[in-house]
Structure formats: structure tokens, C-alpha cells
Protein backbone atom coordinates (compact mmCIF):
# COMPACT_ATOMS: atom_id res chain seq x y z
CA UNK A 1 19.30 -3.21 -2.92
CA UNK A 2 20.31 0.13 -1.49
CA UNK A 3 19.76 1.88 1.91
CA UNK A 4 17.77 5.09 1.87
CA UNK A 5 17.64 6.72 5.29
CA UNK A 6 17.20 3.85 7.60
CA UNK A 7 15.55 1.61 5.27
CA UNK A 8 16.80 -1.03 2.81
CA UNK A 9 15.19 -0.92 -0.64
CA UNK A 10 15.08 -2.75 -3.94
CA UNK A 11 14.88 -0.48 -6.91
CA UNK A 12 14.15 -0.87 -10.53
CA UNK A 13 15.13 2.25 -12.48
CA UNK A 14 13.93 2.72 -15.97
CA UNK A 15 14.47 6.35 -16.37
CA UNK A 16 15.97 8.65 -13.48
CA UNK A 17 13.84 11.52 -14.62
CA UNK A 18 10.52 9.49 -14.54
CA UNK A 19 8.04 9.23 -11.70
CA UNK A 20 8.55 6.55 -8.92
CA UNK A 21 6.21 4.06 -7.67
CA UNK A 22 6.88 2.98 -4.13
CA UNK A 23 5.34 -0.41 -3.23
CA UNK A 24 5.14 -1.75 0.40
CA UNK A 25 4.91 -5.72 0.77
CA UNK A 26 2.51 -7.44 3.10
CA UNK A 27 2.87 -9.01 6.52
CA UNK A 28 5.49 -11.88 6.40
CA UNK A 29 6.74 -11.07 3.04
CA UNK A 30 9.74 -8.89 1.92
CA UNK A 31 10.75 -6.42 -0.74
CA UNK A 32 11.50 -9.37 -3.29
CA UNK A 33 7.77 -10.43 -2.99
CA UNK A 34 6.46 -7.50 -5.12
CA UNK A 35 9.47 -6.85 -7.20
CA UNK A 36 8.11 -8.97 -10.16
CA UNK A 37 5.24 -6.24 -10.45
CA UNK A 38 7.81 -3.90 -11.93
CA UNK A 39 7.54 -6.19 -15.03
CA UNK A 40 4.23 -7.54 -14.72
CA UNK A 41 2.24 -4.26 -14.62
CA UNK A 42 1.69 -3.28 -18.22
CA UNK A 43 2.63 0.47 -18.86
CA UNK A 44 3.41 2.49 -21.95
CA UNK A 45 5.43 5.13 -20.10
CA UNK A 46 8.53 4.56 -18.16
CA UNK A 47 8.14 4.39 -14.30
CA UNK A 48 10.74 3.62 -11.74
CA UNK A 49 9.93 1.18 -8.75
CA UNK A 50 11.04 1.11 -5.31
CA UNK A 51 10.44 -1.82 -3.05
CA UNK A 52 11.21 -1.06 0.87
CA UNK A 53 11.96 -3.79 3.27
CA UNK A 54 9.74 -4.14 6.20
CA UNK A 55 11.12 -2.89 9.56
CA UNK A 56 10.24 -5.93 11.85
CA UNK A 57 11.15 -9.58 11.30
CA UNK A 58 8.19 -11.79 12.25
CA UNK A 59 7.82 -15.58 12.64
CA UNK A 60 5.38 -16.93 10.10
CA UNK A 61 5.87 -20.72 10.42
CA UNK A 62 8.31 -23.43 12.03
CA UNK A 63 11.89 -22.20 11.38
CA UNK A 64 10.48 -19.69 8.98
CA UNK A 65 10.25 -15.99 9.19
CA UNK A 66 9.37 -12.84 7.12
CA UNK A 67 9.33 -9.16 7.43
CA UNK A 68 6.50 -6.93 8.50
CA UNK A 69 5.72 -3.26 9.28
CA UNK A 70 4.15 -3.94 12.57
CA UNK A 71 3.24 -7.08 14.55
CA UNK A 72 -0.09 -8.89 14.49
CA UNK A 73 -1.79 -10.91 17.10
CA UNK A 74 -2.32 -13.80 14.57
CA UNK A 75 -3.69 -16.13 17.25
CA UNK A 76 -6.53 -13.61 18.07
CA UNK A 77 -7.21 -13.20 14.61
CA UNK A 78 -7.40 -16.88 13.78
CA UNK A 79 -9.66 -17.39 16.79
CA UNK A 80 -12.13 -14.90 15.55
CA UNK A 81 -12.03 -16.44 12.05
CA UNK A 82 -12.56 -19.90 13.44
CA UNK A 83 -15.59 -18.56 15.51
CA UNK A 84 -17.14 -17.04 12.13
CA UNK A 85 -16.40 -13.59 13.42
CA UNK A 86 -15.30 -10.81 11.00
CA UNK A 87 -12.14 -9.21 11.77
CA UNK A 88 -12.89 -5.43 11.53
CA UNK A 89 -9.57 -3.73 11.30
CA UNK A 90 -10.86 -0.24 11.32
CA UNK A 91 -10.14 0.40 15.05
CA UNK A 92 -6.71 -1.39 14.89
CA UNK A 93 -3.97 1.22 15.79
CA UNK A 94 -0.50 -0.50 15.70
CA UNK A 95 1.56 0.82 18.43
CA UNK A 96 4.65 1.17 16.34
CA UNK A 97 2.75 2.94 13.61
CA UNK A 98 4.24 6.43 14.42
CA UNK A 99 7.89 5.04 14.25
CA UNK A 100 7.19 3.20 10.88
CA UNK A 101 5.72 6.45 9.56
CA UNK A 102 8.58 8.51 10.53
CA UNK A 103 11.05 5.99 8.83
CA UNK A 104 9.00 5.92 5.58
CA UNK A 105 8.75 9.56 5.47
CA UNK A 106 12.43 10.05 6.07
CA UNK A 107 13.24 7.37 3.46
CA UNK A 108 11.05 9.39 0.81
CA UNK A 109 12.87 12.59 1.76
CA UNK A 110 16.14 10.83 1.22
CA UNK A 111 15.00 9.93 -2.40
CA UNK A 112 15.12 13.58 -3.27
CA UNK A 113 12.03 12.97 -5.49
CA UNK A 114 9.18 15.61 -5.33
CA UNK A 115 5.87 14.14 -3.80
CA UNK A 116 4.25 15.17 -7.22
CA UNK A 117 6.25 12.35 -8.85
CA UNK A 118 5.67 9.70 -6.38
CA UNK A 119 2.91 7.02 -6.58
CA UNK A 120 2.53 5.18 -3.16
CA UNK A 121 1.12 1.64 -3.12
CA UNK A 122 1.10 -1.56 -1.38
CA UNK A 123 -0.38 -4.96 -0.79
CA UNK A 124 -2.33 -5.95 2.39
CA UNK A 125 -0.37 -4.47 5.38
CA UNK A 126 1.66 -2.60 2.96
CA UNK A 127 -1.28 -0.87 1.53
CA UNK A 128 -2.09 0.35 5.16
CA UNK A 129 1.44 1.79 5.20
CA UNK A 130 0.68 3.50 1.80
CA UNK A 131 -2.42 5.15 2.92
CA UNK A 132 -0.85 6.22 6.35
CA UNK A 133 2.00 7.73 4.34
CA UNK A 134 -0.09 9.59 2.01
CA UNK A 135 -2.46 10.94 4.60
CA UNK A 136 0.67 12.32 6.57
CA UNK A 137 2.57 13.60 3.59
CA UNK A 138 2.97 17.44 3.35
CA UNK A 139 1.37 17.54 -0.16
CA UNK A 140 -0.71 15.08 -2.39
CA UNK A 141 1.45 12.42 -3.84
CA UNK A 142 1.08 11.63 -7.45
CA UNK A 143 -1.27 8.68 -6.79
CA UNK A 144 -2.10 5.90 -4.25
CA UNK A 145 -2.51 2.23 -5.24
CA UNK A 146 -4.34 -0.04 -2.76
CA UNK A 147 -4.23 -3.79 -3.34
CA UNK A 148 -6.22 -6.01 -1.07
CA UNK A 149 -5.73 -3.80 1.91
CA UNK A 150 -8.11 -2.36 4.52
CA UNK A 151 -9.01 0.51 6.89
CA UNK A 152 -7.07 0.78 10.24
CA UNK A 153 -6.50 3.76 12.54
CA UNK A 154 -9.90 5.11 11.57
CA UNK A 155 -10.01 8.17 13.94
CA UNK A 156 -6.65 9.56 12.82
CA UNK A 157 -7.12 8.86 9.15
CA UNK A 158 -10.57 10.43 8.99
CA UNK A 159 -9.08 13.55 10.57
CA UNK A 160 -6.11 13.65 8.02
CA UNK A 161 -7.94 12.57 4.87
CA UNK A 162 -9.63 15.76 3.98
CA UNK A 163 -6.17 17.38 3.39
CA UNK A 164 -5.71 14.89 0.50
CA UNK A 165 -8.89 15.90 -1.34
CA UNK A 166 -8.59 15.56 -5.01
CA UNK A 167 -6.00 12.81 -4.76
CA UNK A 168 -7.06 9.95 -7.27
CA UNK A 169 -6.57 6.46 -5.92
CA UNK A 170 -6.84 2.91 -7.31
CA UNK A 171 -8.27 0.26 -5.07
CA UNK A 172 -9.02 -3.58 -5.73
CA UNK A 173 -9.93 -6.48 -3.48
CA UNK A 174 -11.07 -10.05 -3.69
CA UNK A 175 -14.63 -10.82 -2.96
CA UNK A 176 -13.60 -14.14 -1.16
CA UNK A 177 -10.63 -12.64 0.59
CA UNK A 178 -10.53 -14.65 3.90
CA UNK A 179 -7.62 -12.62 5.32
CA UNK A 180 -8.99 -9.11 5.02
CA UNK A 181 -12.68 -9.12 4.26
CA UNK A 182 -13.92 -6.96 1.44
CA UNK A 183 -16.02 -5.23 4.14
CA UNK A 184 -12.89 -3.80 5.46
CA UNK A 185 -11.87 -2.52 1.85
CA UNK A 186 -15.38 -0.97 1.50
CA UNK A 187 -14.80 0.88 4.83
CA UNK A 188 -11.51 2.38 3.45
CA UNK A 189 -13.14 3.35 0.21
CA UNK A 190 -15.88 5.15 2.00
CA UNK A 191 -13.54 7.00 4.23
CA UNK A 192 -11.43 8.30 1.39
CA UNK A 193 -14.35 9.32 -0.81
CA UNK A 194 -16.12 11.13 1.92
CA UNK A 195 -12.82 13.03 2.55
CA UNK A 196 -12.78 14.19 -1.15
CA UNK A 197 -10.37 11.50 -2.54
CA UNK A 198 -11.44 10.28 -5.88
CA UNK A 199 -11.53 6.55 -6.69
CA UNK A 200 -13.76 3.45 -6.38
CA UNK A 201 -13.17 -0.08 -5.33
CA UNK A 202 -12.79 -2.68 -8.00
CA UNK A 203 -13.69 -6.17 -6.58
CA UNK A 204 -12.73 -9.43 -8.34
CA UNK A 205 -13.74 -13.02 -7.80
CA UNK A 206 -10.70 -14.27 -5.77
CA UNK A 207 -8.97 -14.25 -2.41
CA UNK A 208 -6.07 -12.31 -0.94
CA UNK A 209 -4.19 -11.76 -4.15
CA UNK A 210 -3.48 -9.61 -7.13
CA UNK A 211 -4.74 -11.28 -10.24
CA UNK A 212 -3.62 -10.37 -13.72
CA UNK A 213 -6.85 -8.46 -14.58
CA UNK A 214 -6.24 -6.14 -11.73
CA UNK A 215 -2.67 -5.54 -12.73
CA UNK A 216 -4.01 -4.47 -16.17
CA UNK A 217 -6.22 -2.19 -14.53
CA UNK A 218 -3.77 -0.75 -12.40
CA UNK A 219 -1.43 -0.28 -15.48
CA UNK A 220 -4.11 1.88 -16.98
CA UNK A 221 -4.39 3.93 -13.83
CA UNK A 222 -0.68 4.42 -13.73
CA UNK A 223 -0.55 5.18 -17.49
CA UNK A 224 -3.04 7.93 -16.91
CA UNK A 225 -0.94 9.48 -14.31
CA UNK A 226 2.49 9.03 -16.29
CA UNK A 227 0.73 10.59 -19.43
CA UNK A 228 -0.08 13.80 -17.51
CA UNK A 229 3.56 14.20 -16.46
CA UNK A 230 4.76 13.96 -20.10
CA UNK A 231 2.48 16.86 -21.33
């Protein structure tokens, strides 16, 4: 664990000169939650991994807390789900998102790694952080990996996304996801493709998770990126 800018991060370094994948965890988890992916994603080329800690402590159960990037009105979400209503996340604009963005961009600047050697990624709420960071970056990052995440902040993202035209992204989502419906993932896929980014949503039979088959597909996506940097 080391501090970069104002953020605490776990890192797994394989080759200091290799590209970096930054993976943001989901709501209520922490940097350790995704750290096993550094070994579980099958890769043929070296890649370094950085796992930032969320900026906010949130209660997720009796005497149990985790970390998040911004707070959620879980009671409202649960009421909607209980009533059979879909949680359409596209209009959600977290009040603290600009502050989170500033901290993440400062962290990346502190890494002193060019954007062309950085792959942004994340699970669930962390995937939203990854998209927002990519869309507000000064140039295209090397890649974007979106794991069981969704569209938020639609108006701002729609305005910013065309500047990232040509960026190739990886996206997967469970067909039976009861936390973030696959419709939310489809909305994100549509916005990105309409803006000129390149990728397609891979759906799988499952819920709010990252199955082995998707890690294998992610590995192929990353290897393709890493191979280009080695030539």
C-alpha cells in the first residue's frame, strides 16, 4: 500500500516499464477486493496493477462498514426494487463526483505514467469512476475495462464522450444482475458507441459478479493492448 496524491493504493508491480491497469472497487468494498484479479486475469505480457482505496467509509451492515466513491441512498434503491421498479441510473449525478474526479486525476498525475500506458477499469461503482475519469482525461487512455457497471451522469458523459472517439473498451454484465440491471449496461454501451468509442457489451448468465469466462475475455482484450506496446 502506498499513497499517491491524496489516495491510498495497493500495487502489484511486474515490470516498472510495463503499462498499468488501474482498477476501482465497488460500493462497500475496498482495494483488497479486486487485488486477486492481478493473478486471476490470464495475461501473456507483463502488466502492473494499481487498486485505489475508496474515499468514503459507508455502513453496509450491523457493525460493518466498507469504502465507496460516493454515497448511495440504498433505502430508496431497495424500495424501488421491492416495488418491481427498475433502477435507471442514467440520471444519477453524485454530488461529490467532481471531488472524486479531481482526486483520481491527481493520483494518476502522481503516478508519472503517460495516459497511453494506463488502462482504466472498475467493478460496479468503480466502473463508473473509470468511465468518468476516462471521459475527463486530457487524452485517450490505453484502454477501458467495465465490469458490471452502468451509465450515470448521462448529460455530462454524452457531452464529453466524443473526445474519446476511437478508444477501445471492454464491457461485461450479468443477464440476471439484480443490483444494476443489464439495461443500465446497455445504455452505457449505446452512449459510448454513439460517441465513437469502440466496443460491445458481453453478457453472461449470472448476477452482479465477474465470472472466470469474463476474466478470460478480459485477458484477451488486455493482451491485445499490451502486444501493441511491445512492437
